[in-house]
């Protein structure tokens, strides 16, 4: 039972970070992302999070750098994913399909996904250590509510 709660707490934090990334991406359009806009967006989201989990001032000081550094680290990967998509479209729209190029692109994209996953997991673990068990439980419940909402719509 205890390991299940830890899993859901971890999943809740994962949903939080994924939500931060998706919202930053959704508000960015297709062009380059303005780092100042991301910073402002993260600040707004973190303020909501702090209220929801009743974060102490000390926790707030610890969480903000974790979230913001993760976002800065993941931002270049976003650009690489977009470049890979562009290259994939070029490969697939050519007169002849270059299977070697397509396989190379697939491999590169998997490596990018692995890098992003590794960085996200690091940030999740770092944030989890800052939060209490009750706060992680609150985040897990929030993630569960949002997950159900996504399937209804």
N, C-alpha and C. Protein backbone atom coordinates (compact mmCIF):
# COMPACT_ATOMS: atom_id res chain seq x y z
N UNK A 1 0.82 -1.19 0.00
CA UNK A 1 0.00 0.00 0.00
C UNK A 1 0.87 1.26 0.00
N UNK A 2 1.93 1.23 0.79
CA UNK A 2 2.80 2.38 0.88
C UNK A 2 3.49 2.67 -0.46
N UNK A 3 3.92 1.61 -1.17
CA UNK A 3 4.57 1.81 -2.46
C UNK A 3 3.58 2.35 -3.49
N UNK A 4 2.31 1.96 -3.36
CA UNK A 4 1.28 2.47 -4.27
C UNK A 4 1.10 3.97 -4.07
N UNK A 5 1.08 4.41 -2.83
CA UNK A 5 0.95 5.85 -2.55
C UNK A 5 2.14 6.60 -3.10
N UNK A 6 3.33 6.04 -2.95
CA UNK A 6 4.52 6.70 -3.49
C UNK A 6 4.42 6.80 -5.00
N UNK A 7 3.94 5.73 -5.63
CA UNK A 7 3.80 5.76 -7.08
C UNK A 7 2.84 6.87 -7.51
N UNK A 8 1.68 6.97 -6.84
CA UNK A 8 0.71 7.99 -7.22
C UNK A 8 1.21 9.39 -6.90
N UNK A 9 1.97 9.53 -5.83
CA UNK A 9 2.56 10.84 -5.54
C UNK A 9 3.55 11.22 -6.63
N UNK A 10 4.37 10.27 -7.03
CA UNK A 10 5.33 10.51 -8.11
C UNK A 10 4.58 10.83 -9.40
N UNK A 11 3.51 10.10 -9.67
CA UNK A 11 2.70 10.35 -10.86
C UNK A 11 2.08 11.74 -10.81
N UNK A 12 1.66 12.15 -9.63
CA UNK A 12 1.09 13.48 -9.48
C UNK A 12 2.10 14.57 -9.78
N UNK A 13 3.31 14.39 -9.29
CA UNK A 13 4.35 15.37 -9.61
C UNK A 13 4.68 15.33 -11.09
N UNK A 14 4.68 14.14 -11.67
CA UNK A 14 4.92 14.01 -13.10
C UNK A 14 3.87 14.76 -13.89
N UNK A 15 2.62 14.63 -13.48
CA UNK A 15 1.55 15.35 -14.15
C UNK A 15 1.74 16.86 -14.02
N UNK A 16 2.19 17.29 -12.85
CA UNK A 16 2.45 18.71 -12.65
C UNK A 16 3.49 19.21 -13.64
N UNK A 17 4.62 18.52 -13.71
CA UNK A 17 5.69 18.96 -14.60
C UNK A 17 5.26 18.86 -16.06
N UNK A 18 4.54 17.80 -16.40
CA UNK A 18 4.05 17.67 -17.78
C UNK A 18 3.09 18.81 -18.08
N UNK A 19 2.24 19.13 -17.11
CA UNK A 19 1.32 20.25 -17.31
C UNK A 19 2.05 21.56 -17.50
N UNK A 20 3.09 21.77 -16.72
CA UNK A 20 3.89 22.99 -16.90
C UNK A 20 4.48 23.05 -18.30
N UNK A 21 5.03 21.93 -18.74
CA UNK A 21 5.64 21.90 -20.06
C UNK A 21 4.61 22.10 -21.16
N UNK A 22 3.46 21.43 -21.04
CA UNK A 22 2.43 21.55 -22.07
C UNK A 22 1.85 22.95 -22.12
N UNK A 23 1.61 23.55 -20.96
CA UNK A 23 1.06 24.90 -20.96
C UNK A 23 2.07 25.89 -21.51
N UNK A 24 3.32 25.74 -21.16
CA UNK A 24 4.35 26.63 -21.71
C UNK A 24 4.41 26.47 -23.22
N UNK A 25 4.30 25.23 -23.68
CA UNK A 25 4.33 24.97 -25.12
C UNK A 25 3.09 25.54 -25.79
N UNK A 26 1.92 25.34 -25.19
CA UNK A 26 0.67 25.80 -25.79
C UNK A 26 0.63 27.31 -25.91
N UNK A 27 1.21 28.02 -24.96
CA UNK A 27 1.19 29.47 -24.99
C UNK A 27 2.32 30.05 -25.85
N UNK A 28 3.17 29.20 -26.35
CA UNK A 28 4.34 29.70 -27.05
C UNK A 28 4.12 29.84 -28.54
N UNK A 29 3.07 29.25 -29.10
CA UNK A 29 2.92 29.26 -30.54
C UNK A 29 3.93 28.31 -31.15
N UNK A 30 4.20 28.45 -32.42
CA UNK A 30 5.11 27.55 -33.11
C UNK A 30 6.53 28.10 -33.21
N UNK A 31 6.70 29.37 -32.93
CA UNK A 31 8.02 29.96 -33.08
C UNK A 31 8.86 29.79 -31.83
N UNK A 32 10.00 30.48 -31.79
CA UNK A 32 10.86 30.41 -30.61
C UNK A 32 10.12 30.89 -29.36
N UNK A 33 10.45 30.27 -28.27
CA UNK A 33 9.80 30.63 -27.00
C UNK A 33 10.61 31.72 -26.33
N UNK A 34 9.92 32.74 -25.87
CA UNK A 34 10.54 33.83 -25.14
C UNK A 34 10.77 33.36 -23.69
N UNK A 35 12.04 33.24 -23.27
CA UNK A 35 12.32 32.76 -21.91
C UNK A 35 11.65 33.59 -20.82
N UNK A 36 11.49 34.89 -21.06
CA UNK A 36 10.84 35.74 -20.06
C UNK A 36 9.37 35.34 -19.90
N UNK A 37 8.72 35.00 -21.01
CA UNK A 37 7.31 34.58 -20.94
C UNK A 37 7.18 33.25 -20.20
N UNK A 38 8.12 32.36 -20.43
CA UNK A 38 8.09 31.08 -19.72
C UNK A 38 8.27 31.31 -18.23
N UNK A 39 9.20 32.16 -17.88
CA UNK A 39 9.45 32.47 -16.47
C UNK A 39 8.19 33.03 -15.81
N UNK A 40 7.52 33.96 -16.48
CA UNK A 40 6.28 34.53 -15.94
C UNK A 40 5.21 33.46 -15.80
N UNK A 41 5.09 32.62 -16.81
CA UNK A 41 4.09 31.56 -16.79
C UNK A 41 4.37 30.57 -15.65
N UNK A 42 5.62 30.19 -15.50
CA UNK A 42 5.99 29.28 -14.42
C UNK A 42 5.71 29.91 -13.06
N UNK A 43 6.00 31.20 -12.92
CA UNK A 43 5.72 31.89 -11.65
C UNK A 43 4.24 31.83 -11.31
N UNK A 44 3.37 32.08 -12.32
CA UNK A 44 1.92 32.03 -12.08
C UNK A 44 1.49 30.61 -11.69
N UNK A 45 1.99 29.62 -12.41
CA UNK A 45 1.60 28.24 -12.12
C UNK A 45 2.11 27.81 -10.74
N UNK A 46 3.32 28.22 -10.40
CA UNK A 46 3.86 27.86 -9.10
C UNK A 46 3.06 28.50 -7.97
N UNK A 47 2.61 29.74 -8.16
CA UNK A 47 1.79 30.39 -7.13
C UNK A 47 0.53 29.58 -6.87
N UNK A 48 -0.11 29.10 -7.93
CA UNK A 48 -1.31 28.28 -7.76
C UNK A 48 -0.96 26.97 -7.04
N UNK A 49 0.15 26.38 -7.43
CA UNK A 49 0.58 25.14 -6.81
C UNK A 49 0.84 25.34 -5.32
N UNK A 50 1.54 26.42 -4.98
CA UNK A 50 1.87 26.68 -3.58
C UNK A 50 0.60 26.77 -2.73
N UNK A 51 -0.42 27.42 -3.26
CA UNK A 51 -1.68 27.53 -2.52
C UNK A 51 -2.32 26.15 -2.38
N UNK A 52 -2.35 25.42 -3.46
CA UNK A 52 -3.02 24.11 -3.45
C UNK A 52 -2.38 23.13 -2.46
N UNK A 53 -1.06 23.17 -2.35
CA UNK A 53 -0.38 22.21 -1.46
C UNK A 53 0.01 22.85 -0.12
N UNK A 54 -0.34 24.13 0.06
CA UNK A 54 -0.01 24.84 1.29
C UNK A 54 1.50 24.81 1.55
N UNK A 55 2.25 25.21 0.53
CA UNK A 55 3.71 25.19 0.61
C UNK A 55 4.22 26.27 1.57
N UNK A 56 5.21 25.91 2.34
CA UNK A 56 5.83 26.87 3.25
C UNK A 56 6.74 27.80 2.43
N UNK A 57 7.09 28.95 2.97
CA UNK A 57 8.02 29.83 2.26
C UNK A 57 9.34 29.12 1.92
N UNK A 58 9.82 28.28 2.82
CA UNK A 58 11.07 27.54 2.56
C UNK A 58 10.89 26.58 1.38
N UNK A 59 9.76 25.89 1.33
CA UNK A 59 9.50 24.99 0.21
C UNK A 59 9.40 25.77 -1.10
N UNK A 60 8.78 26.92 -1.05
CA UNK A 60 8.66 27.75 -2.25
C UNK A 60 10.04 28.14 -2.79
N UNK A 61 10.94 28.50 -1.88
CA UNK A 61 12.30 28.87 -2.28
C UNK A 61 13.04 27.69 -2.91
N UNK A 62 12.72 26.48 -2.46
CA UNK A 62 13.39 25.29 -2.99
C UNK A 62 12.75 24.81 -4.29
N UNK A 63 11.43 24.89 -4.39
CA UNK A 63 10.73 24.36 -5.57
C UNK A 63 10.93 25.22 -6.82
N UNK A 64 10.88 26.53 -6.67
CA UNK A 64 10.98 27.40 -7.85
C UNK A 64 12.24 27.12 -8.67
N UNK A 65 13.42 27.05 -8.07
CA UNK A 65 14.60 26.77 -8.89
C UNK A 65 14.58 25.39 -9.54
N UNK A 66 14.00 24.41 -8.87
CA UNK A 66 13.91 23.06 -9.44
C UNK A 66 13.08 23.09 -10.71
N UNK A 67 11.90 23.69 -10.62
CA UNK A 67 10.98 23.76 -11.76
C UNK A 67 11.58 24.61 -12.88
N UNK A 68 12.10 25.76 -12.54
CA UNK A 68 12.61 26.68 -13.56
C UNK A 68 13.85 26.13 -14.26
N UNK A 69 14.73 25.48 -13.52
CA UNK A 69 15.92 24.90 -14.15
C UNK A 69 15.53 23.75 -15.06
N UNK A 70 14.58 22.95 -14.63
CA UNK A 70 14.11 21.84 -15.48
C UNK A 70 13.53 22.40 -16.78
N UNK A 71 12.74 23.45 -16.68
CA UNK A 71 12.15 24.05 -17.89
C UNK A 71 13.26 24.58 -18.80
N UNK A 72 14.26 25.24 -18.23
CA UNK A 72 15.39 25.75 -19.05
C UNK A 72 16.15 24.60 -19.72
N UNK A 73 16.32 23.51 -18.98
CA UNK A 73 17.05 22.36 -19.52
C UNK A 73 16.25 21.66 -20.61
N UNK A 74 14.93 21.64 -20.49
CA UNK A 74 14.09 20.93 -21.45
C UNK A 74 13.78 21.77 -22.69
N UNK A 75 13.89 23.07 -22.60
CA UNK A 75 13.56 23.94 -23.72
C UNK A 75 14.36 23.63 -24.99
N UNK A 76 15.67 23.43 -24.92
CA UNK A 76 16.41 23.10 -26.15
C UNK A 76 15.95 21.78 -26.78
N UNK A 77 15.50 20.85 -25.96
CA UNK A 77 15.01 19.57 -26.49
C UNK A 77 13.75 19.78 -27.31
N UNK A 78 12.93 20.74 -26.90
CA UNK A 78 11.72 21.07 -27.66
C UNK A 78 12.09 21.49 -29.07
N UNK A 79 13.09 22.34 -29.18
CA UNK A 79 13.52 22.80 -30.50
C UNK A 79 14.04 21.64 -31.34
N UNK A 80 14.75 20.72 -30.71
CA UNK A 80 15.28 19.55 -31.44
C UNK A 80 14.15 18.64 -31.89
N UNK A 81 13.11 18.50 -31.08
CA UNK A 81 11.96 17.70 -31.48
C UNK A 81 11.28 18.32 -32.70
N UNK A 82 11.14 19.65 -32.68
CA UNK A 82 10.53 20.34 -33.83
C UNK A 82 11.38 20.17 -35.09
N UNK A 83 12.67 20.26 -34.93
CA UNK A 83 13.58 20.06 -36.07
C UNK A 83 13.44 18.63 -36.59
N UNK A 84 13.34 17.67 -35.71
CA UNK A 84 13.16 16.28 -36.13
C UNK A 84 11.86 16.08 -36.89
N UNK A 85 10.82 16.75 -36.44
CA UNK A 85 9.54 16.66 -37.14
C UNK A 85 9.67 17.21 -38.55
N UNK A 86 10.33 18.36 -38.66
CA UNK A 86 10.53 18.98 -39.97
C UNK A 86 11.33 18.04 -40.88
N UNK A 87 12.39 17.44 -40.33
CA UNK A 87 13.20 16.51 -41.12
C UNK A 87 12.40 15.28 -41.53
N UNK A 88 11.56 14.79 -40.62
CA UNK A 88 10.72 13.64 -40.93
C UNK A 88 9.77 13.93 -42.09
N UNK A 89 9.19 15.10 -42.07
CA UNK A 89 8.29 15.49 -43.17
C UNK A 89 9.05 15.55 -44.48
N UNK A 90 10.26 16.09 -44.44
CA UNK A 90 11.09 16.14 -45.66
C UNK A 90 11.39 14.73 -46.18
N UNK A 91 11.78 13.85 -45.28
CA UNK A 91 12.12 12.48 -45.68
C UNK A 91 10.90 11.79 -46.28
N UNK A 92 9.77 11.93 -45.63
CA UNK A 92 8.56 11.23 -46.08
C UNK A 92 7.93 11.84 -47.33
N UNK A 93 8.25 13.09 -47.62
CA UNK A 93 7.67 13.72 -48.80
C UNK A 93 8.60 13.70 -50.01
N UNK A 94 9.78 13.08 -49.86
CA UNK A 94 10.72 12.97 -50.98
C UNK A 94 10.19 11.98 -52.01
N UNK A 95 10.71 12.08 -53.22
CA UNK A 95 10.29 11.18 -54.30
C UNK A 95 10.55 9.72 -53.93
N UNK A 96 11.68 9.47 -53.30
CA UNK A 96 12.02 8.12 -52.85
C UNK A 96 12.27 8.16 -51.34
N UNK A 97 11.74 7.20 -50.63
CA UNK A 97 11.90 7.16 -49.18
C UNK A 97 13.27 6.59 -48.83
N UNK A 98 14.01 7.36 -48.04
CA UNK A 98 15.33 6.93 -47.57
C UNK A 98 15.13 6.28 -46.21
N UNK A 99 15.04 4.95 -46.22
CA UNK A 99 14.78 4.21 -44.98
C UNK A 99 15.89 4.42 -43.95
N UNK A 100 17.11 4.53 -44.42
CA UNK A 100 18.23 4.75 -43.50
C UNK A 100 18.10 6.09 -42.78
N UNK A 101 17.73 7.12 -43.52
CA UNK A 101 17.55 8.45 -42.91
C UNK A 101 16.38 8.44 -41.94
N UNK A 102 15.32 7.74 -42.33
CA UNK A 102 14.14 7.65 -41.46
C UNK A 102 14.48 6.91 -40.17
N UNK A 103 15.23 5.82 -40.28
CA UNK A 103 15.64 5.07 -39.10
C UNK A 103 16.59 5.90 -38.23
N UNK A 104 17.50 6.63 -38.85
CA UNK A 104 18.40 7.50 -38.09
C UNK A 104 17.63 8.56 -37.33
N UNK A 105 16.63 9.15 -37.97
CA UNK A 105 15.79 10.15 -37.32
C UNK A 105 15.02 9.53 -36.16
N UNK A 106 14.46 8.35 -36.36
CA UNK A 106 13.75 7.67 -35.30
C UNK A 106 14.65 7.46 -34.08
N UNK A 107 15.86 7.03 -34.35
CA UNK A 107 16.82 6.79 -33.27
C UNK A 107 17.15 8.09 -32.53
N UNK A 108 17.37 9.16 -33.27
CA UNK A 108 17.66 10.46 -32.66
C UNK A 108 16.50 10.93 -31.78
N UNK A 109 15.28 10.76 -32.28
CA UNK A 109 14.11 11.21 -31.54
C UNK A 109 13.93 10.39 -30.24
N UNK A 110 14.23 9.09 -30.32
CA UNK A 110 14.17 8.27 -29.11
C UNK A 110 15.21 8.72 -28.09
N UNK A 111 16.39 9.08 -28.56
CA UNK A 111 17.43 9.57 -27.64
C UNK A 111 17.01 10.89 -27.00
N UNK A 112 16.36 11.76 -27.78
CA UNK A 112 15.86 13.02 -27.22
C UNK A 112 14.79 12.76 -26.17
N UNK A 113 13.89 11.83 -26.48
CA UNK A 113 12.83 11.49 -25.52
C UNK A 113 13.44 10.92 -24.25
N UNK A 114 14.45 10.10 -24.38
CA UNK A 114 15.13 9.53 -23.21
C UNK A 114 15.78 10.64 -22.38
N UNK A 115 16.42 11.58 -23.03
CA UNK A 115 17.04 12.71 -22.32
C UNK A 115 16.00 13.53 -21.59
N UNK A 116 14.88 13.80 -22.26
CA UNK A 116 13.81 14.58 -21.63
C UNK A 116 13.23 13.81 -20.44
N UNK A 117 13.02 12.53 -20.61
CA UNK A 117 12.48 11.71 -19.53
C UNK A 117 13.42 11.67 -18.34
N UNK A 118 14.71 11.54 -18.61
CA UNK A 118 15.71 11.49 -17.54
C UNK A 118 15.70 12.82 -16.76
N UNK A 119 15.66 13.94 -17.48
CA UNK A 119 15.69 15.25 -16.83
C UNK A 119 14.41 15.49 -16.03
N UNK A 120 13.29 15.08 -16.59
CA UNK A 120 12.02 15.23 -15.90
C UNK A 120 11.99 14.39 -14.63
N UNK A 121 12.50 13.17 -14.70
CA UNK A 121 12.55 12.29 -13.54
C UNK A 121 13.44 12.89 -12.45
N UNK A 122 14.55 13.48 -12.85
CA UNK A 122 15.44 14.13 -11.88
C UNK A 122 14.70 15.26 -11.16
N UNK A 123 14.00 16.08 -11.93
CA UNK A 123 13.26 17.20 -11.34
C UNK A 123 12.15 16.69 -10.42
N UNK A 124 11.48 15.63 -10.83
CA UNK A 124 10.43 15.06 -10.00
C UNK A 124 10.98 14.55 -8.68
N UNK A 125 12.09 13.87 -8.73
CA UNK A 125 12.71 13.36 -7.51
C UNK A 125 13.14 14.51 -6.61
N UNK A 126 13.75 15.53 -7.21
CA UNK A 126 14.18 16.70 -6.43
C UNK A 126 13.00 17.38 -5.76
N UNK A 127 11.92 17.58 -6.51
CA UNK A 127 10.73 18.24 -5.95
C UNK A 127 10.08 17.36 -4.89
N UNK A 128 10.06 16.05 -5.11
CA UNK A 128 9.46 15.13 -4.14
C UNK A 128 10.15 15.21 -2.79
N UNK A 129 11.45 15.40 -2.81
CA UNK A 129 12.20 15.49 -1.56
C UNK A 129 11.89 16.76 -0.78
N UNK A 130 11.40 17.78 -1.46
CA UNK A 130 11.06 19.04 -0.81
C UNK A 130 9.69 18.97 -0.14
N UNK A 131 8.79 18.17 -0.73
CA UNK A 131 7.40 18.12 -0.28
C UNK A 131 7.19 17.06 0.79
N UNK A 132 6.18 17.29 1.59
CA UNK A 132 5.78 16.29 2.60
C UNK A 132 4.96 15.20 1.91
N UNK A 133 4.74 14.11 2.62
CA UNK A 133 3.92 13.01 2.10
C UNK A 133 2.50 13.50 1.81
N UNK A 134 1.95 14.34 2.67
CA UNK A 134 0.60 14.86 2.46
C UNK A 134 0.54 15.76 1.22
N UNK A 135 1.57 16.55 1.01
CA UNK A 135 1.59 17.41 -0.18
C UNK A 135 1.69 16.57 -1.45
N UNK A 136 2.51 15.54 -1.41
CA UNK A 136 2.61 14.66 -2.59
C UNK A 136 1.29 13.96 -2.84
N UNK A 137 0.60 13.58 -1.78
CA UNK A 137 -0.71 12.95 -1.91
C UNK A 137 -1.70 13.93 -2.55
N UNK A 138 -1.68 15.18 -2.14
CA UNK A 138 -2.55 16.20 -2.73
C UNK A 138 -2.28 16.33 -4.23
N UNK A 139 -1.02 16.33 -4.61
CA UNK A 139 -0.68 16.41 -6.03
C UNK A 139 -1.13 15.18 -6.79
N UNK A 140 -1.00 14.02 -6.17
CA UNK A 140 -1.44 12.79 -6.83
C UNK A 140 -2.95 12.81 -7.04
N UNK A 141 -3.69 13.28 -6.04
CA UNK A 141 -5.15 13.38 -6.18
C UNK A 141 -5.52 14.38 -7.27
N UNK A 142 -4.79 15.47 -7.33
CA UNK A 142 -5.02 16.48 -8.38
C UNK A 142 -4.78 15.86 -9.76
N UNK A 143 -3.71 15.12 -9.89
CA UNK A 143 -3.40 14.49 -11.17
C UNK A 143 -4.48 13.49 -11.54
N UNK A 144 -4.99 12.77 -10.56
CA UNK A 144 -6.05 11.79 -10.80
C UNK A 144 -7.32 12.50 -11.28
N UNK A 145 -7.68 13.61 -10.67
CA UNK A 145 -8.87 14.37 -11.09
C UNK A 145 -8.71 14.86 -12.51
N UNK A 146 -7.53 15.40 -12.84
CA UNK A 146 -7.29 15.93 -14.19
C UNK A 146 -7.27 14.81 -15.21
N UNK A 147 -6.76 13.67 -14.84
CA UNK A 147 -6.71 12.54 -15.77
C UNK A 147 -8.12 12.14 -16.16
N UNK A 148 -9.02 12.09 -15.19
CA UNK A 148 -10.41 11.74 -15.50
C UNK A 148 -11.06 12.81 -16.37
N UNK A 149 -10.73 14.05 -16.14
CA UNK A 149 -11.28 15.14 -16.96
C UNK A 149 -10.84 15.05 -18.40
N UNK A 150 -9.61 14.62 -18.64
CA UNK A 150 -9.10 14.52 -20.02
C UNK A 150 -9.86 13.45 -20.80
N UNK A 151 -10.28 12.38 -20.13
CA UNK A 151 -10.96 11.28 -20.82
C UNK A 151 -12.42 11.59 -21.09
N UNK A 152 -13.00 12.50 -20.36
CA UNK A 152 -14.41 12.84 -20.56
C UNK A 152 -14.62 13.74 -21.75
N UNK A 153 -13.64 14.67 -21.98
CA UNK A 153 -13.84 15.72 -22.96
C UNK A 153 -13.69 15.31 -24.34
